[in-house]
PDB file of N, CA and C in Angstrom:
ATOM      1  N   MET A   1       0.620   9.710  60.279  1.00  0.00           N
ATOM      2  CA  MET A   1      -0.560   9.748  59.467  1.00  0.00           C
ATOM      3  C   MET A   1      -0.947   8.359  58.980  1.00  0.00           C
ATOM      4  N   LEU A   2       0.034   7.595  58.491  1.00  0.00           N
ATOM      5  CA  LEU A   2      -0.269   6.248  58.022  1.00  0.00           C
ATOM      6  C   LEU A   2      -0.382   5.286  59.193  1.00  0.00           C
ATOM      7  N   GLU A   3      -1.313   4.371  59.070  1.00  0.00           N
ATOM      8  CA  GLU A   3      -1.458   3.346  60.101  1.00  0.00           C
ATOM      9  C   GLU A   3      -0.232   2.441  60.072  1.00  0.00           C
ATOM     10  N   PRO A   4       0.149   1.891  61.226  1.00  0.00           N
ATOM     11  CA  PRO A   4       1.364   1.073  61.296  1.00  0.00           C
ATOM     12  C   PRO A   4       1.391  -0.081  60.286  1.00  0.00           C
ATOM     13  N   GLN A   5       0.276  -0.756  60.084  1.00  0.00           N
ATOM     14  CA  GLN A   5       0.246  -1.883  59.152  1.00  0.00           C
ATOM     15  C   GLN A   5       0.509  -1.403  57.715  1.00  0.00           C
ATOM     16  N   ILE A   6      -0.069  -0.300  57.339  1.00  0.00           N
ATOM     17  CA  ILE A   6       0.142   0.239  55.994  1.00  0.00           C
ATOM     18  C   ILE A   6       1.577   0.737  55.845  1.00  0.00           C
ATOM     19  N   LEU A   7       2.109   1.336  56.884  1.00  0.00           N
ATOM     20  CA  LEU A   7       3.493   1.805  56.848  1.00  0.00           C
ATOM     21  C   LEU A   7       4.463   0.640  56.641  1.00  0.00           C
ATOM     22  N   GLU A   8       4.210  -0.470  57.292  1.00  0.00           N
ATOM     23  CA  GLU A   8       5.062  -1.651  57.106  1.00  0.00           C
ATOM     24  C   GLU A   8       4.959  -2.186  55.682  1.00  0.00           C
ATOM     25  N   GLN A   9       3.759  -2.190  55.117  1.00  0.00           N
ATOM     26  CA  GLN A   9       3.590  -2.619  53.726  1.00  0.00           C
ATOM     27  C   GLN A   9       4.342  -1.681  52.785  1.00  0.00           C
ATOM     28  N   LEU A  10       4.269  -0.398  53.059  1.00  0.00           N
ATOM     29  CA  LEU A  10       4.968   0.591  52.251  1.00  0.00           C
ATOM     30  C   LEU A  10       6.481   0.375  52.314  1.00  0.00           C
ATOM     31  N   LYS A  11       6.999   0.128  53.495  1.00  0.00           N
ATOM     32  CA  LYS A  11       8.430  -0.127  53.643  1.00  0.00           C
ATOM     33  C   LYS A  11       8.864  -1.341  52.828  1.00  0.00           C
ATOM     34  N   THR A  12       8.051  -2.385  52.824  1.00  0.00           N
ATOM     35  CA  THR A  12       8.350  -3.584  52.042  1.00  0.00           C
ATOM     36  C   THR A  12       8.385  -3.258  50.557  1.00  0.00           C
ATOM     37  N   TYR A  13       7.415  -2.488  50.095  1.00  0.00           N
ATOM     38  CA  TYR A  13       7.364  -2.091  48.687  1.00  0.00           C
ATOM     39  C   TYR A  13       8.568  -1.220  48.322  1.00  0.00           C
ATOM     40  N   LEU A  14       8.855  -0.220  49.142  1.00  0.00           N
ATOM     41  CA  LEU A  14       9.953   0.699  48.844  1.00  0.00           C
ATOM     42  C   LEU A  14      11.317   0.015  48.879  1.00  0.00           C
ATOM     43  N   ALA A  15      11.448  -1.050  49.640  1.00  0.00           N
ATOM     44  CA  ALA A  15      12.709  -1.794  49.694  1.00  0.00           C
ATOM     45  C   ALA A  15      13.030  -2.429  48.340  1.00  0.00           C
ATOM     46  N   ARG A  16      12.037  -2.579  47.500  1.00  0.00           N
ATOM     47  CA  ARG A  16      12.222  -3.179  46.176  1.00  0.00           C
ATOM     48  C   ARG A  16      12.586  -2.166  45.092  1.00  0.00           C
ATOM     49  N   LEU A  17      12.653  -0.899  45.439  1.00  0.00           N
ATOM     50  CA  LEU A  17      13.006   0.111  44.441  1.00  0.00           C
ATOM     51  C   LEU A  17      14.396  -0.180  43.880  1.00  0.00           C
ATOM     52  N   PRO A  18      14.562  -0.083  42.566  1.00  0.00           N
ATOM     53  CA  PRO A  18      15.875  -0.354  41.982  1.00  0.00           C
ATOM     54  C   PRO A  18      16.875   0.787  42.179  1.00  0.00           C
ATOM     55  N   GLY A  19      16.385   1.962  42.567  1.00  0.00           N
ATOM     56  CA  GLY A  19      17.259   3.105  42.775  1.00  0.00           C
ATOM     57  C   GLY A  19      16.493   4.233  43.434  1.00  0.00           C
ATOM     58  N   PRO A  20      17.166   5.344  43.694  1.00  0.00           N
ATOM     59  CA  PRO A  20      16.519   6.454  44.385  1.00  0.00           C
ATOM     60  C   PRO A  20      15.424   7.118  43.548  1.00  0.00           C
ATOM     61  N   VAL A  21      14.428   7.667  44.245  1.00  0.00           N
ATOM     62  CA  VAL A  21      13.352   8.436  43.629  1.00  0.00           C
ATOM     63  C   VAL A  21      13.134   9.709  44.433  1.00  0.00           C
ATOM     64  N   GLU A  22      12.586  10.717  43.763  1.00  0.00           N
ATOM     65  CA  GLU A  22      12.216  11.965  44.428  1.00  0.00           C
ATOM     66  C   GLU A  22      10.707  12.137  44.345  1.00  0.00           C
ATOM     67  N   LEU A  23      10.143  12.588  45.424  1.00  0.00           N
ATOM     68  CA  LEU A  23       8.766  13.050  45.424  1.00  0.00           C
ATOM     69  C   LEU A  23       8.844  14.555  45.231  1.00  0.00           C
ATOM     70  N   VAL A  24       8.344  15.030  44.117  1.00  0.00           N
ATOM     71  CA  VAL A  24       8.408  16.449  43.783  1.00  0.00           C
ATOM     72  C   VAL A  24       7.057  17.050  44.144  1.00  0.00           C
ATOM     73  N   VAL A  25       7.074  17.965  45.116  1.00  0.00           N
ATOM     74  CA  VAL A  25       5.822  18.437  45.697  1.00  0.00           C
ATOM     75  C   VAL A  25       5.649  19.943  45.558  1.00  0.00           C
ATOM     76  N   ALA A  26       4.385  20.345  45.539  1.00  0.00           N
ATOM     77  CA  ALA A  26       4.020  21.767  45.556  1.00  0.00           C
ATOM     78  C   ALA A  26       2.893  21.910  46.576  1.00  0.00           C
ATOM     79  N   TYR A  27       3.077  22.799  47.519  1.00  0.00           N
ATOM     80  CA  TYR A  27       2.107  23.007  48.587  1.00  0.00           C
ATOM     81  C   TYR A  27       1.493  24.399  48.497  1.00  0.00           C
ATOM     82  N   ASP A  28       0.376  24.566  49.172  1.00  0.00           N
ATOM     83  CA  ASP A  28      -0.186  25.892  49.406  1.00  0.00           C
ATOM     84  C   ASP A  28      -0.523  25.981  50.889  1.00  0.00           C
ATOM     85  N   GLU A  29      -1.351  26.907  51.277  1.00  0.00           N
ATOM     86  CA  GLU A  29      -1.626  27.122  52.700  1.00  0.00           C
ATOM     87  C   GLU A  29      -2.912  26.452  53.187  1.00  0.00           C
ATOM     88  N   ARG A  30      -3.570  25.709  52.334  1.00  0.00           N
ATOM     89  CA  ARG A  30      -4.819  25.069  52.739  1.00  0.00           C
ATOM     90  C   ARG A  30      -4.562  23.849  53.627  1.00  0.00           C
ATOM     91  N   PRO A  31      -5.560  23.459  54.424  1.00  0.00           N
ATOM     92  CA  PRO A  31      -5.401  22.289  55.291  1.00  0.00           C
ATOM     93  C   PRO A  31      -5.043  21.002  54.533  1.00  0.00           C
ATOM     94  N   VAL A  32      -5.524  20.868  53.312  1.00  0.00           N
ATOM     95  CA  VAL A  32      -5.204  19.667  52.549  1.00  0.00           C
ATOM     96  C   VAL A  32      -3.701  19.576  52.274  1.00  0.00           C
ATOM     97  N   SER A  33      -3.028  20.714  52.175  1.00  0.00           N
ATOM     98  CA  SER A  33      -1.573  20.706  52.012  1.00  0.00           C
ATOM     99  C   SER A  33      -0.875  20.181  53.261  1.00  0.00           C
ATOM    100  N   THR A  34      -1.423  20.492  54.407  1.00  0.00           N
ATOM    101  CA  THR A  34      -0.866  19.958  55.654  1.00  0.00           C
ATOM    102  C   THR A  34      -0.970  18.442  55.672  1.00  0.00           C
ATOM    103  N   GLU A  35      -2.106  17.933  55.228  1.00  0.00           N
ATOM    104  CA  GLU A  35      -2.278  16.478  55.142  1.00  0.00           C
ATOM    105  C   GLU A  35      -1.285  15.870  54.156  1.00  0.00           C
ATOM    106  N   LEU A  36      -1.102  16.533  53.013  1.00  0.00           N
ATOM    107  CA  LEU A  36      -0.154  16.033  52.024  1.00  0.00           C
ATOM    108  C   LEU A  36       1.272  16.070  52.580  1.00  0.00           C
ATOM    109  N   ARG A  37       1.635  17.144  53.279  1.00  0.00           N
ATOM    110  CA  ARG A  37       2.970  17.225  53.905  1.00  0.00           C
ATOM    111  C   ARG A  37       3.209  16.043  54.836  1.00  0.00           C
ATOM    112  N   ASN A  38       2.203  15.726  55.637  1.00  0.00           N
ATOM    113  CA  ASN A  38       2.335  14.609  56.575  1.00  0.00           C
ATOM    114  C   ASN A  38       2.485  13.276  55.849  1.00  0.00           C
ATOM    115  N   LEU A  39       1.703  13.076  54.790  1.00  0.00           N
ATOM    116  CA  LEU A  39       1.809  11.848  54.007  1.00  0.00           C
ATOM    117  C   LEU A  39       3.181  11.734  53.354  1.00  0.00           C
ATOM    118  N   ILE A  40       3.649  12.819  52.744  1.00  0.00           N
ATOM    119  CA  ILE A  40       4.958  12.821  52.090  1.00  0.00           C
ATOM    120  C   ILE A  40       6.062  12.548  53.122  1.00  0.00           C
ATOM    121  N   ALA A  41       5.940  13.118  54.302  1.00  0.00           N
ATOM    122  CA  ALA A  41       6.933  12.883  55.357  1.00  0.00           C
ATOM    123  C   ALA A  41       6.964  11.411  55.759  1.00  0.00           C
ATOM    124  N   ASP A  42       5.802  10.784  55.859  1.00  0.00           N
ATOM    125  CA  ASP A  42       5.741   9.357  56.192  1.00  0.00           C
ATOM    126  C   ASP A  42       6.411   8.516  55.107  1.00  0.00           C
ATOM    127  N   ILE A  43       6.129   8.847  53.856  1.00  0.00           N
ATOM    128  CA  ILE A  43       6.720   8.092  52.750  1.00  0.00           C
ATOM    129  C   ILE A  43       8.234   8.277  52.754  1.00  0.00           C
ATOM    130  N   ARG A  44       8.676   9.509  52.931  1.00  0.00           N
ATOM    131  CA  ARG A  44      10.115   9.803  52.960  1.00  0.00           C
ATOM    132  C   ARG A  44      10.814   9.039  54.078  1.00  0.00           C
ATOM    133  N   ALA A  45      10.202   8.988  55.236  1.00  0.00           N
ATOM    134  CA  ALA A  45      10.801   8.312  56.386  1.00  0.00           C
ATOM    135  C   ALA A  45      10.827   6.790  56.227  1.00  0.00           C
ATOM    136  N   ALA A  46      10.045   6.270  55.300  1.00  0.00           N
ATOM    137  CA  ALA A  46       9.945   4.825  55.136  1.00  0.00           C
ATOM    138  C   ALA A  46      11.119   4.221  54.369  1.00  0.00           C
ATOM    139  N   SER A  47      11.917   5.044  53.675  1.00  0.00           N
ATOM    140  CA  SER A  47      13.020   4.491  52.892  1.00  0.00           C
ATOM    141  C   SER A  47      14.108   5.535  52.660  1.00  0.00           C
ATOM    142  N   PRO A  48      15.363   5.125  52.755  1.00  0.00           N
ATOM    143  CA  PRO A  48      16.455   6.051  52.427  1.00  0.00           C
ATOM    144  C   PRO A  48      16.557   6.321  50.924  1.00  0.00           C
ATOM    145  N   LEU A  49      15.830   5.560  50.113  1.00  0.00           N
ATOM    146  CA  LEU A  49      15.847   5.770  48.663  1.00  0.00           C
ATOM    147  C   LEU A  49      14.884   6.866  48.215  1.00  0.00           C
ATOM    148  N   VAL A  50      14.071   7.369  49.134  1.00  0.00           N
ATOM    149  CA  VAL A  50      13.077   8.389  48.799  1.00  0.00           C
ATOM    150  C   VAL A  50      13.541   9.734  49.339  1.00  0.00           C
ATOM    151  N   SER A  51      13.562  10.728  48.456  1.00  0.00           N
ATOM    152  CA  SER A  51      13.856  12.096  48.875  1.00  0.00           C
ATOM    153  C   SER A  51      12.704  12.990  48.420  1.00  0.00           C
ATOM    154  N   VAL A  52      12.693  14.208  48.927  1.00  0.00           N
ATOM    155  CA  VAL A  52      11.615  15.149  48.622  1.00  0.00           C
ATOM    156  C   VAL A  52      12.222  16.428  48.059  1.00  0.00           C
ATOM    157  N   ARG A  53      11.613  16.921  46.996  1.00  0.00           N
ATOM    158  CA  ARG A  53      12.034  18.181  46.384  1.00  0.00           C
ATOM    159  C   ARG A  53      10.787  19.050  46.217  1.00  0.00           C
ATOM    160  N   GLU A  54      10.832  20.248  46.775  1.00  0.00           N
ATOM    161  CA  GLU A  54       9.710  21.177  46.636  1.00  0.00           C
ATOM    162  C   GLU A  54       9.936  22.065  45.426  1.00  0.00           C
ATOM    163  N   GLU A  55       8.887  22.217  44.629  1.00  0.00           N
ATOM    164  CA  GLU A  55       8.925  23.091  43.460  1.00  0.00           C
ATOM    165  C   GLU A  55       7.634  23.887  43.404  1.00  0.00           C
ATOM    166  N   ASP A  56       7.703  25.021  42.749  1.00  0.00           N
ATOM    167  CA  ASP A  56       6.498  25.802  42.521  1.00  0.00           C
ATOM    168  C   ASP A  56       5.769  25.207  41.320  1.00  0.00           C
ATOM    169  N   HIS A  57       4.480  25.058  41.443  1.00  0.00           N
ATOM    170  CA  HIS A  57       3.679  24.498  40.362  1.00  0.00           C
ATOM    171  C   HIS A  57       2.309  25.144  40.408  1.00  0.00           C
ATOM    172  N   GLU A  58       1.702  25.315  39.255  1.00  0.00           N
ATOM    173  CA  GLU A  58       0.389  25.956  39.212  1.00  0.00           C
ATOM    174  C   GLU A  58      -0.685  25.130  39.910  1.00  0.00           C
ATOM    175  N   LEU A  59      -0.525  23.818  39.927  1.00  0.00           N
ATOM    176  CA  LEU A  59      -1.472  22.952  40.634  1.00  0.00           C
ATOM    177  C   LEU A  59      -0.948  22.695  42.033  1.00  0.00           C
ATOM    178  N   ARG A  60      -1.647  23.226  43.019  1.00  0.00           N
ATOM    179  CA  ARG A  60      -1.233  23.047  44.406  1.00  0.00           C
ATOM    180  C   ARG A  60      -2.439  22.726  45.260  1.00  0.00           C
ATOM    181  N   PRO A  61      -2.328  21.809  46.149  1.00  0.00           N
ATOM    182  CA  PRO A  61      -1.183  20.929  46.377  1.00  0.00           C
ATOM    183  C   PRO A  61      -1.136  19.827  45.318  1.00  0.00           C
ATOM    184  N   SER A  62       0.062  19.363  45.050  1.00  0.00           N
ATOM    185  CA  SER A  62       0.257  18.267  44.111  1.00  0.00           C
ATOM    186  C   SER A  62       1.618  17.639  44.354  1.00  0.00           C
ATOM    187  N   PHE A  63       1.792  16.442  43.781  1.00  0.00           N
ATOM    188  CA  PHE A  63       3.112  15.823  43.825  1.00  0.00           C
ATOM    189  C   PHE A  63       3.266  14.888  42.642  1.00  0.00           C
ATOM    190  N   GLY A  64       4.508  14.649  42.282  1.00  0.00           N
ATOM    191  CA  GLY A  64       4.857  13.713  41.231  1.00  0.00           C
ATOM    192  C   GLY A  64       6.059  12.910  41.675  1.00  0.00           C
ATOM    193  N   ILE A  65       6.390  11.906  40.885  1.00  0.00           N
ATOM    194  CA  ILE A  65       7.517  11.035  41.210  1.00  0.00           C
ATOM    195  C   ILE A  65       8.524  11.121  40.071  1.00  0.00           C
ATOM    196  N   ALA A  66       9.806  11.197  40.423  1.00  0.00           N
ATOM    197  CA  ALA A  66      10.866  11.299  39.411  1.00  0.00           C
ATOM    198  C   ALA A  66      12.145  10.669  39.922  1.00  0.00           C
ATOM    199  N   ARG A  67      13.019  10.375  38.990  1.00  0.00           N
ATOM    200  CA  ARG A  67      14.383  10.051  39.383  1.00  0.00           C
ATOM    201  C   ARG A  67      15.025  11.362  39.829  1.00  0.00           C
ATOM    202  N   PRO A  68      15.994  11.303  40.724  1.00  0.00           N
ATOM    203  CA  PRO A  68      16.597  12.549  41.212  1.00  0.00           C
ATOM    204  C   PRO A  68      17.040  13.485  40.087  1.00  0.00           C
ATOM    205  N   GLY A  69      16.583  14.723  40.152  1.00  0.00           N
ATOM    206  CA  GLY A  69      16.947  15.746  39.193  1.00  0.00           C
ATOM    207  C   GLY A  69      16.130  15.758  37.919  1.00  0.00           C
ATOM    208  N   GLU A  70      15.263  14.770  37.721  1.00  0.00           N
ATOM    209  CA  GLU A  70      14.472  14.709  36.490  1.00  0.00           C
ATOM    210  C   GLU A  70      13.103  15.365  36.692  1.00  0.00           C
ATOM    211  N   VAL A  71      12.398  15.538  35.591  1.00  0.00           N
ATOM    212  CA  VAL A  71      11.051  16.085  35.609  1.00  0.00           C
ATOM    213  C   VAL A  71      10.103  15.020  36.130  1.00  0.00           C
ATOM    214  N   PRO A  72       9.216  15.370  37.074  1.00  0.00           N
ATOM    215  CA  PRO A  72       8.298  14.355  37.613  1.00  0.00           C
ATOM    216  C   PRO A  72       7.276  13.890  36.592  1.00  0.00           C
ATOM    217  N   ARG A  73       6.770  12.699  36.831  1.00  0.00           N
ATOM    218  CA  ARG A  73       5.741  12.129  35.966  1.00  0.00           C
ATOM    219  C   ARG A  73       4.444  12.025  36.721  1.00  0.00           C
TER     220      ARG A  73
END
C-alpha cells in the first residue's frame, strides 16, 4: 500500500523508537477497513518494535497507539 520511498522514510523513523509500541485497531466490514488493514500491515512490517492488537471499539474502523498492554492514546 505504501510507496517504496515513504516506506523507507517510515523505517527510518521507526528505527528511532525508544521501545516497543502497539497499534490497537478496530475493524469493520467496510472497504475502508480493508485499506486500514493494509496500512497497519505495512507499518507492522516496517519494524520489529511495532505490534498489532485488535480490540472491539465503538468507533470502527479506528486505531490508536500504546505501549504494549496499555490503553491506546
